[in-house]
């Protein structure tokens, strides 16, 4: 599993898991985005993706979010 991450131009934090294709977004004012800016973005990305990959199957409609996940993950690729 490879976790990619970056900050968007507004200060939000985007991360994605290349194995599952899932992504997560932290708004600029969220504690995750602030922590990522101030400290360890790789740690924040791994925690956000652990939550996303664990909880995703419980409540998320995969078809509804799949297009946005693909778009975000494409933006994370080098």
PDB file of N, CA and C in Angstrom:
ATOM      1  N   UNK A   1       0.844  -1.165   0.000  1.00  0.00           N
ATOM      2  CA  UNK A   1       0.000   0.000   0.000  1.00  0.00           C
ATOM      3  C   UNK A   1       0.898   1.239   0.000  1.00  0.00           C
ATOM      4  N   UNK A   2       0.640   2.140  -0.945  1.00  0.00           N
ATOM      5  CA  UNK A   2       1.366   3.404  -1.020  1.00  0.00           C
ATOM      6  C   UNK A   2       0.389   4.538  -0.733  1.00  0.00           C
ATOM      7  N   UNK A   3       0.739   5.371   0.211  1.00  0.00           N
ATOM      8  CA  UNK A   3      -0.108   6.505   0.558  1.00  0.00           C
ATOM      9  C   UNK A   3       0.550   7.774   0.031  1.00  0.00           C
ATOM     10  N   UNK A   4      -0.191   8.479  -0.803  1.00  0.00           N
ATOM     11  CA  UNK A   4       0.263   9.734  -1.367  1.00  0.00           C
ATOM     12  C   UNK A   4      -0.454  10.873  -0.651  1.00  0.00           C
ATOM     13  N   UNK A   5       0.168  12.037  -0.609  1.00  0.00           N
ATOM     14  CA  UNK A   5      -0.483  13.177   0.046  1.00  0.00           C
ATOM     15  C   UNK A   5       0.063  14.481  -0.501  1.00  0.00           C
ATOM     16  N   UNK A   6      -0.748  15.534  -0.347  1.00  0.00           N
ATOM     17  CA  UNK A   6      -0.315  16.879  -0.706  1.00  0.00           C
ATOM     18  C   UNK A   6      -1.280  17.887  -0.087  1.00  0.00           C
ATOM     19  N   UNK A   7      -0.848  19.137  -0.081  1.00  0.00           N
ATOM     20  CA  UNK A   7      -1.693  20.227   0.367  1.00  0.00           C
ATOM     21  C   UNK A   7      -2.280  20.901  -0.867  1.00  0.00           C
ATOM     22  N   UNK A   8      -3.547  21.271  -0.809  1.00  0.00           N
ATOM     23  CA  UNK A   8      -4.108  21.996  -1.942  1.00  0.00           C
ATOM     24  C   UNK A   8      -3.823  23.488  -1.777  1.00  0.00           C
ATOM     25  N   UNK A   9      -4.156  24.263  -2.773  1.00  0.00           N
ATOM     26  CA  UNK A   9      -3.804  25.687  -2.742  1.00  0.00           C
ATOM     27  C   UNK A   9      -4.547  26.468  -1.666  1.00  0.00           C
ATOM     28  N   UNK A  10      -5.634  25.917  -1.139  1.00  0.00           N
ATOM     29  CA  UNK A  10      -6.396  26.586  -0.083  1.00  0.00           C
ATOM     30  C   UNK A  10      -5.922  26.200   1.311  1.00  0.00           C
ATOM     31  N   UNK A  11      -4.978  25.251   1.398  1.00  0.00           N
ATOM     32  CA  UNK A  11      -4.478  24.805   2.697  1.00  0.00           C
ATOM     33  C   UNK A  11      -5.081  23.502   3.171  1.00  0.00           C
ATOM     34  N   UNK A  12      -5.962  22.910   2.380  1.00  0.00           N
ATOM     35  CA  UNK A  12      -6.524  21.607   2.721  1.00  0.00           C
ATOM     36  C   UNK A  12      -5.482  20.517   2.513  1.00  0.00           C
ATOM     37  N   UNK A  13      -5.751  19.357   3.065  1.00  0.00           N
ATOM     38  CA  UNK A  13      -4.816  18.237   2.995  1.00  0.00           C
ATOM     39  C   UNK A  13      -5.518  17.072   2.332  1.00  0.00           C
ATOM     40  N   UNK A  14      -4.933  16.569   1.258  1.00  0.00           N
ATOM     41  CA  UNK A  14      -5.515  15.463   0.488  1.00  0.00           C
ATOM     42  C   UNK A  14      -4.565  14.280   0.562  1.00  0.00           C
ATOM     43  N   UNK A  15      -5.117  13.094   0.817  1.00  0.00           N
ATOM     44  CA  UNK A  15      -4.294  11.895   0.804  1.00  0.00           C
ATOM     45  C   UNK A  15      -5.062  10.771   0.121  1.00  0.00           C
ATOM     46  N   UNK A  16      -4.323   9.805  -0.394  1.00  0.00           N
ATOM     47  CA  UNK A  16      -4.941   8.698  -1.095  1.00  0.00           C
ATOM     48  C   UNK A  16      -4.123   7.433  -0.985  1.00  0.00           C
ATOM     49  N   UNK A  17      -4.808   6.316  -1.071  1.00  0.00           N
ATOM     50  CA  UNK A  17      -4.204   4.995  -0.995  1.00  0.00           C
ATOM     51  C   UNK A  17      -4.244   4.387  -2.392  1.00  0.00           C
ATOM     52  N   UNK A  18      -3.089   4.123  -2.976  1.00  0.00           N
ATOM     53  CA  UNK A  18      -3.047   3.603  -4.341  1.00  0.00           C
ATOM     54  C   UNK A  18      -3.576   2.177  -4.455  1.00  0.00           C
ATOM     55  N   UNK A  19      -3.545   1.429  -3.368  1.00  0.00           N
ATOM     56  CA  UNK A  19      -4.025   0.047  -3.410  1.00  0.00           C
ATOM     57  C   UNK A  19      -5.549  -0.023  -3.444  1.00  0.00           C
ATOM     58  N   UNK A  20      -6.215   0.736  -2.571  1.00  0.00           N
ATOM     59  CA  UNK A  20      -7.671   0.686  -2.493  1.00  0.00           C
ATOM     60  C   UNK A  20      -8.339   1.698  -3.399  1.00  0.00           C
ATOM     61  N   UNK A  21      -7.603   2.750  -3.789  1.00  0.00           N
ATOM     62  CA  UNK A  21      -8.183   3.797  -4.610  1.00  0.00           C
ATOM     63  C   UNK A  21      -8.994   4.807  -3.824  1.00  0.00           C
ATOM     64  N   UNK A  22      -8.985   4.693  -2.518  1.00  0.00           N
ATOM     65  CA  UNK A  22      -9.746   5.620  -1.673  1.00  0.00           C
ATOM     66  C   UNK A  22      -8.916   6.857  -1.361  1.00  0.00           C
ATOM     67  N   UNK A  23      -9.620   7.953  -1.112  1.00  0.00           N
ATOM     68  CA  UNK A  23      -8.958   9.194  -0.739  1.00  0.00           C
ATOM     69  C   UNK A  23      -9.651   9.809   0.462  1.00  0.00           C
ATOM     70  N   UNK A  24      -8.971  10.761   1.078  1.00  0.00           N
ATOM     71  CA  UNK A  24      -9.551  11.503   2.194  1.00  0.00           C
ATOM     72  C   UNK A  24      -9.115  12.955   2.072  1.00  0.00           C
ATOM     73  N   UNK A  25      -9.966  13.845   2.544  1.00  0.00           N
ATOM     74  CA  UNK A  25      -9.686  15.269   2.473  1.00  0.00           C
ATOM     75  C   UNK A  25      -9.903  15.894   3.842  1.00  0.00           C
ATOM     76  N   UNK A  26      -8.961  16.740   4.246  1.00  0.00           N
ATOM     77  CA  UNK A  26      -9.095  17.493   5.494  1.00  0.00           C
ATOM     78  C   UNK A  26      -9.198  18.967   5.126  1.00  0.00           C
ATOM     79  N   UNK A  27     -10.273  19.612   5.557  1.00  0.00           N
ATOM     80  CA  UNK A  27     -10.463  21.033   5.289  1.00  0.00           C
ATOM     81  C   UNK A  27      -9.333  21.841   5.929  1.00  0.00           C
ATOM     82  N   UNK A  28      -9.006  23.009   5.367  1.00  0.00           N
ATOM     83  CA  UNK A  28      -7.881  23.809   5.864  1.00  0.00           C
ATOM     84  C   UNK A  28      -7.926  24.119   7.363  1.00  0.00           C
ATOM     85  N   UNK A  29      -9.102  24.257   7.919  1.00  0.00           N
ATOM     86  CA  UNK A  29      -9.215  24.591   9.340  1.00  0.00           C
ATOM     87  C   UNK A  29      -9.354  23.370  10.248  1.00  0.00           C
ATOM     88  N   UNK A  30      -9.322  22.180   9.672  1.00  0.00           N
ATOM     89  CA  UNK A  30      -9.466  20.969  10.484  1.00  0.00           C
ATOM     90  C   UNK A  30      -8.186  20.688  11.265  1.00  0.00           C
ATOM     91  N   UNK A  31      -8.329  19.961  12.339  1.00  0.00           N
ATOM     92  CA  UNK A  31      -7.158  19.633  13.161  1.00  0.00           C
ATOM     93  C   UNK A  31      -6.164  18.765  12.393  1.00  0.00           C
ATOM     94  N   UNK A  32      -6.646  17.890  11.504  1.00  0.00           N
ATOM     95  CA  UNK A  32      -5.743  17.058  10.723  1.00  0.00           C
ATOM     96  C   UNK A  32      -4.891  17.897   9.787  1.00  0.00           C
ATOM     97  N   UNK A  33      -5.506  18.844   9.079  1.00  0.00           N
ATOM     98  CA  UNK A  33      -4.753  19.692   8.155  1.00  0.00           C
ATOM     99  C   UNK A  33      -3.755  20.570   8.910  1.00  0.00           C
ATOM    100  N   UNK A  34      -4.165  21.111  10.027  1.00  0.00           N
ATOM    101  CA  UNK A  34      -3.268  21.949  10.828  1.00  0.00           C
ATOM    102  C   UNK A  34      -2.089  21.125  11.328  1.00  0.00           C
ATOM    103  N   UNK A  35      -2.350  19.920  11.830  1.00  0.00           N
ATOM    104  CA  UNK A  35      -1.280  19.037  12.307  1.00  0.00           C
ATOM    105  C   UNK A  35      -0.331  18.670  11.160  1.00  0.00           C
ATOM    106  N   UNK A  36      -0.892  18.401   9.984  1.00  0.00           N
ATOM    107  CA  UNK A  36      -0.060  18.054   8.828  1.00  0.00           C
ATOM    108  C   UNK A  36       0.845  19.223   8.434  1.00  0.00           C
ATOM    109  N   UNK A  37       0.322  20.429   8.480  1.00  0.00           N
ATOM    110  CA  UNK A  37       1.121  21.614   8.140  1.00  0.00           C
ATOM    111  C   UNK A  37       2.241  21.839   9.153  1.00  0.00           C
ATOM    112  N   UNK A  38       1.944  21.622  10.411  1.00  0.00           N
ATOM    113  CA  UNK A  38       2.892  21.953  11.476  1.00  0.00           C
ATOM    114  C   UNK A  38       3.886  20.847  11.785  1.00  0.00           C
ATOM    115  N   UNK A  39       3.544  19.618  11.469  1.00  0.00           N
ATOM    116  CA  UNK A  39       4.364  18.528  11.975  1.00  0.00           C
ATOM    117  C   UNK A  39       4.714  17.504  10.910  1.00  0.00           C
ATOM    118  N   UNK A  40       3.974  16.396  10.907  1.00  0.00           N
ATOM    119  CA  UNK A  40       4.324  15.232  10.090  1.00  0.00           C
ATOM    120  C   UNK A  40       3.205  14.865   9.117  1.00  0.00           C
ATOM    121  N   UNK A  41       3.246  15.377   7.901  1.00  0.00           N
ATOM    122  CA  UNK A  41       2.172  15.072   6.958  1.00  0.00           C
ATOM    123  C   UNK A  41       2.049  13.584   6.625  1.00  0.00           C
ATOM    124  N   UNK A  42       3.170  12.858   6.611  1.00  0.00           N
ATOM    125  CA  UNK A  42       3.082  11.425   6.297  1.00  0.00           C
ATOM    126  C   UNK A  42       2.339  10.668   7.394  1.00  0.00           C
ATOM    127  N   UNK A  43       2.536  11.051   8.650  1.00  0.00           N
ATOM    128  CA  UNK A  43       1.821  10.419   9.753  1.00  0.00           C
ATOM    129  C   UNK A  43       0.325  10.724   9.661  1.00  0.00           C
ATOM    130  N   UNK A  44       0.001  11.976   9.395  1.00  0.00           N
ATOM    131  CA  UNK A  44      -1.409  12.370   9.273  1.00  0.00           C
ATOM    132  C   UNK A  44      -2.069  11.605   8.128  1.00  0.00           C
ATOM    133  N   UNK A  45      -1.386  11.513   6.994  1.00  0.00           N
ATOM    134  CA  UNK A  45      -1.944  10.779   5.854  1.00  0.00           C
ATOM    135  C   UNK A  45      -2.180   9.315   6.193  1.00  0.00           C
ATOM    136  N   UNK A  46      -1.251   8.690   6.890  1.00  0.00           N
ATOM    137  CA  UNK A  46      -1.432   7.276   7.242  1.00  0.00           C
ATOM    138  C   UNK A  46      -2.602   7.092   8.199  1.00  0.00           C
ATOM    139  N   UNK A  47      -2.790   8.005   9.144  1.00  0.00           N
ATOM    140  CA  UNK A  47      -3.914   7.898  10.084  1.00  0.00           C
ATOM    141  C   UNK A  47      -5.243   8.140   9.375  1.00  0.00           C
ATOM    142  N   UNK A  48      -5.276   9.145   8.510  1.00  0.00           N
ATOM    143  CA  UNK A  48      -6.513   9.428   7.769  1.00  0.00           C
ATOM    144  C   UNK A  48      -6.897   8.247   6.878  1.00  0.00           C
ATOM    145  N   UNK A  49      -5.912   7.641   6.225  1.00  0.00           N
ATOM    146  CA  UNK A  49      -6.223   6.520   5.348  1.00  0.00           C
ATOM    147  C   UNK A  49      -6.561   5.254   6.135  1.00  0.00           C
ATOM    148  N   UNK A  50      -5.981   5.071   7.300  1.00  0.00           N
ATOM    149  CA  UNK A  50      -6.361   3.934   8.143  1.00  0.00           C
ATOM    150  C   UNK A  50      -7.835   4.042   8.512  1.00  0.00           C
ATOM    151  N   UNK A  51      -8.262   5.233   8.858  1.00  0.00           N
ATOM    152  CA  UNK A  51      -9.677   5.444   9.190  1.00  0.00           C
ATOM    153  C   UNK A  51     -10.544   5.223   7.958  1.00  0.00           C
ATOM    154  N   UNK A  52     -10.147   5.801   6.849  1.00  0.00           N
ATOM    155  CA  UNK A  52     -10.923   5.675   5.618  1.00  0.00           C
ATOM    156  C   UNK A  52     -11.042   4.222   5.171  1.00  0.00           C
ATOM    157  N   UNK A  53      -9.946   3.488   5.200  1.00  0.00           N
ATOM    158  CA  UNK A  53      -9.965   2.095   4.750  1.00  0.00           C
ATOM    159  C   UNK A  53     -10.686   1.173   5.724  1.00  0.00           C
ATOM    160  N   UNK A  54     -10.717   1.523   7.007  1.00  0.00           N
ATOM    161  CA  UNK A  54     -11.406   0.704   7.998  1.00  0.00           C
ATOM    162  C   UNK A  54     -12.897   0.970   8.018  1.00  0.00           C
ATOM    163  N   UNK A  55     -13.264   2.228   8.017  1.00  0.00           N
ATOM    164  CA  UNK A  55     -14.673   2.605   8.178  1.00  0.00           C
ATOM    165  C   UNK A  55     -15.431   2.690   6.870  1.00  0.00           C
ATOM    166  N   UNK A  56     -14.735   2.738   5.779  1.00  0.00           N
ATOM    167  CA  UNK A  56     -15.375   2.975   4.493  1.00  0.00           C
ATOM    168  C   UNK A  56     -16.475   1.972   4.184  1.00  0.00           C
ATOM    169  N   UNK A  57     -16.214   0.720   4.377  1.00  0.00           N
ATOM    170  CA  UNK A  57     -17.201  -0.294   3.999  1.00  0.00           C
ATOM    171  C   UNK A  57     -18.436  -0.275   4.898  1.00  0.00           C
ATOM    172  N   UNK A  58     -18.360   0.378   6.018  1.00  0.00           N
ATOM    173  CA  UNK A  58     -19.489   0.406   6.945  1.00  0.00           C
ATOM    174  C   UNK A  58     -20.586   1.374   6.533  1.00  0.00           C
ATOM    175  N   UNK A  59     -20.217   2.512   5.966  1.00  0.00           N
ATOM    176  CA  UNK A  59     -21.224   3.540   5.752  1.00  0.00           C
ATOM    177  C   UNK A  59     -21.184   4.211   4.402  1.00  0.00           C
ATOM    178  N   UNK A  60     -20.164   3.992   3.642  1.00  0.00           N
ATOM    179  CA  UNK A  60     -20.001   4.768   2.426  1.00  0.00           C
ATOM    180  C   UNK A  60     -20.496   4.026   1.196  1.00  0.00           C
ATOM    181  N   UNK A  61     -21.268   4.707   0.384  1.00  0.00           N
ATOM    182  CA  UNK A  61     -21.737   4.164  -0.889  1.00  0.00           C
ATOM    183  C   UNK A  61     -20.609   4.305  -1.901  1.00  0.00           C
ATOM    184  N   UNK A  62     -19.991   3.205  -2.258  1.00  0.00           N
ATOM    185  CA  UNK A  62     -18.799   3.233  -3.109  1.00  0.00           C
ATOM    186  C   UNK A  62     -19.061   3.903  -4.449  1.00  0.00           C
ATOM    187  N   UNK A  63     -20.221   3.681  -5.041  1.00  0.00           N
ATOM    188  CA  UNK A  63     -20.516   4.271  -6.344  1.00  0.00           C
ATOM    189  C   UNK A  63     -20.605   5.786  -6.267  1.00  0.00           C
ATOM    190  N   UNK A  64     -21.141   6.280  -5.177  1.00  0.00           N
ATOM    191  CA  UNK A  64     -21.319   7.726  -5.012  1.00  0.00           C
ATOM    192  C   UNK A  64     -19.981   8.451  -4.893  1.00  0.00           C
ATOM    193  N   UNK A  65     -19.027   7.857  -4.214  1.00  0.00           N
ATOM    194  CA  UNK A  65     -17.747   8.511  -3.950  1.00  0.00           C
ATOM    195  C   UNK A  65     -16.629   8.092  -4.909  1.00  0.00           C
ATOM    196  N   UNK A  66     -16.848   7.089  -5.715  1.00  0.00           N
ATOM    197  CA  UNK A  66     -15.775   6.544  -6.559  1.00  0.00           C
ATOM    198  C   UNK A  66     -15.221   7.577  -7.534  1.00  0.00           C
ATOM    199  N   UNK A  67     -16.073   8.380  -8.147  1.00  0.00           N
ATOM    200  CA  UNK A  67     -15.605   9.365  -9.123  1.00  0.00           C
ATOM    201  C   UNK A  67     -14.716  10.412  -8.452  1.00  0.00           C
ATOM    202  N   UNK A  68     -15.112  10.882  -7.289  1.00  0.00           N
ATOM    203  CA  UNK A  68     -14.309  11.875  -6.576  1.00  0.00           C
ATOM    204  C   UNK A  68     -12.988  11.273  -6.119  1.00  0.00           C
ATOM    205  N   UNK A  69     -13.002  10.025  -5.676  1.00  0.00           N
ATOM    206  CA  UNK A  69     -11.768   9.345  -5.279  1.00  0.00           C
ATOM    207  C   UNK A  69     -10.809   9.246  -6.462  1.00  0.00           C
ATOM    208  N   UNK A  70     -11.313   8.860  -7.625  1.00  0.00           N
ATOM    209  CA  UNK A  70     -10.461   8.746  -8.814  1.00  0.00           C
ATOM    210  C   UNK A  70      -9.864  10.099  -9.191  1.00  0.00           C
ATOM    211  N   UNK A  71     -10.673  11.139  -9.107  1.00  0.00           N
ATOM    212  CA  UNK A  71     -10.203  12.488  -9.434  1.00  0.00           C
ATOM    213  C   UNK A  71      -9.105  12.943  -8.467  1.00  0.00           C
ATOM    214  N   UNK A  72      -9.332  12.757  -7.183  1.00  0.00           N
ATOM    215  CA  UNK A  72      -8.341  13.155  -6.189  1.00  0.00           C
ATOM    216  C   UNK A  72      -7.045  12.343  -6.323  1.00  0.00           C
ATOM    217  N   UNK A  73      -7.181  11.032  -6.522  1.00  0.00           N
ATOM    218  CA  UNK A  73      -5.999  10.179  -6.620  1.00  0.00           C
ATOM    219  C   UNK A  73      -5.176  10.542  -7.857  1.00  0.00           C
ATOM    220  N   UNK A  74      -5.829  10.867  -8.953  1.00  0.00           N
ATOM    221  CA  UNK A  74      -5.108  11.289 -10.157  1.00  0.00           C
ATOM    222  C   UNK A  74      -4.324  12.572  -9.893  1.00  0.00           C
ATOM    223  N   UNK A  75      -4.871  13.461  -9.074  1.00  0.00           N
ATOM    224  CA  UNK A  75      -4.182  14.693  -8.725  1.00  0.00           C
ATOM    225  C   UNK A  75      -2.997  14.491  -7.807  1.00  0.00           C
ATOM    226  N   UNK A  76      -2.951  13.358  -7.126  1.00  0.00           N
ATOM    227  CA  UNK A  76      -1.851  13.069  -6.222  1.00  0.00           C
ATOM    228  C   UNK A  76      -0.671  12.393  -6.909  1.00  0.00           C
ATOM    229  N   UNK A  77      -0.934  11.816  -8.064  1.00  0.00           N
ATOM    230  CA  UNK A  77       0.127  11.094  -8.776  1.00  0.00           C
ATOM    231  C   UNK A  77       1.184  12.060  -9.295  1.00  0.00           C
ATOM    232  N   UNK A  78       2.450  11.672  -9.182  1.00  0.00           N
ATOM    233  CA  UNK A  78       3.531  12.544  -9.670  1.00  0.00           C
ATOM    234  C   UNK A  78       3.567  12.634 -11.187  1.00  0.00           C
TER     235      UNK A  78
END
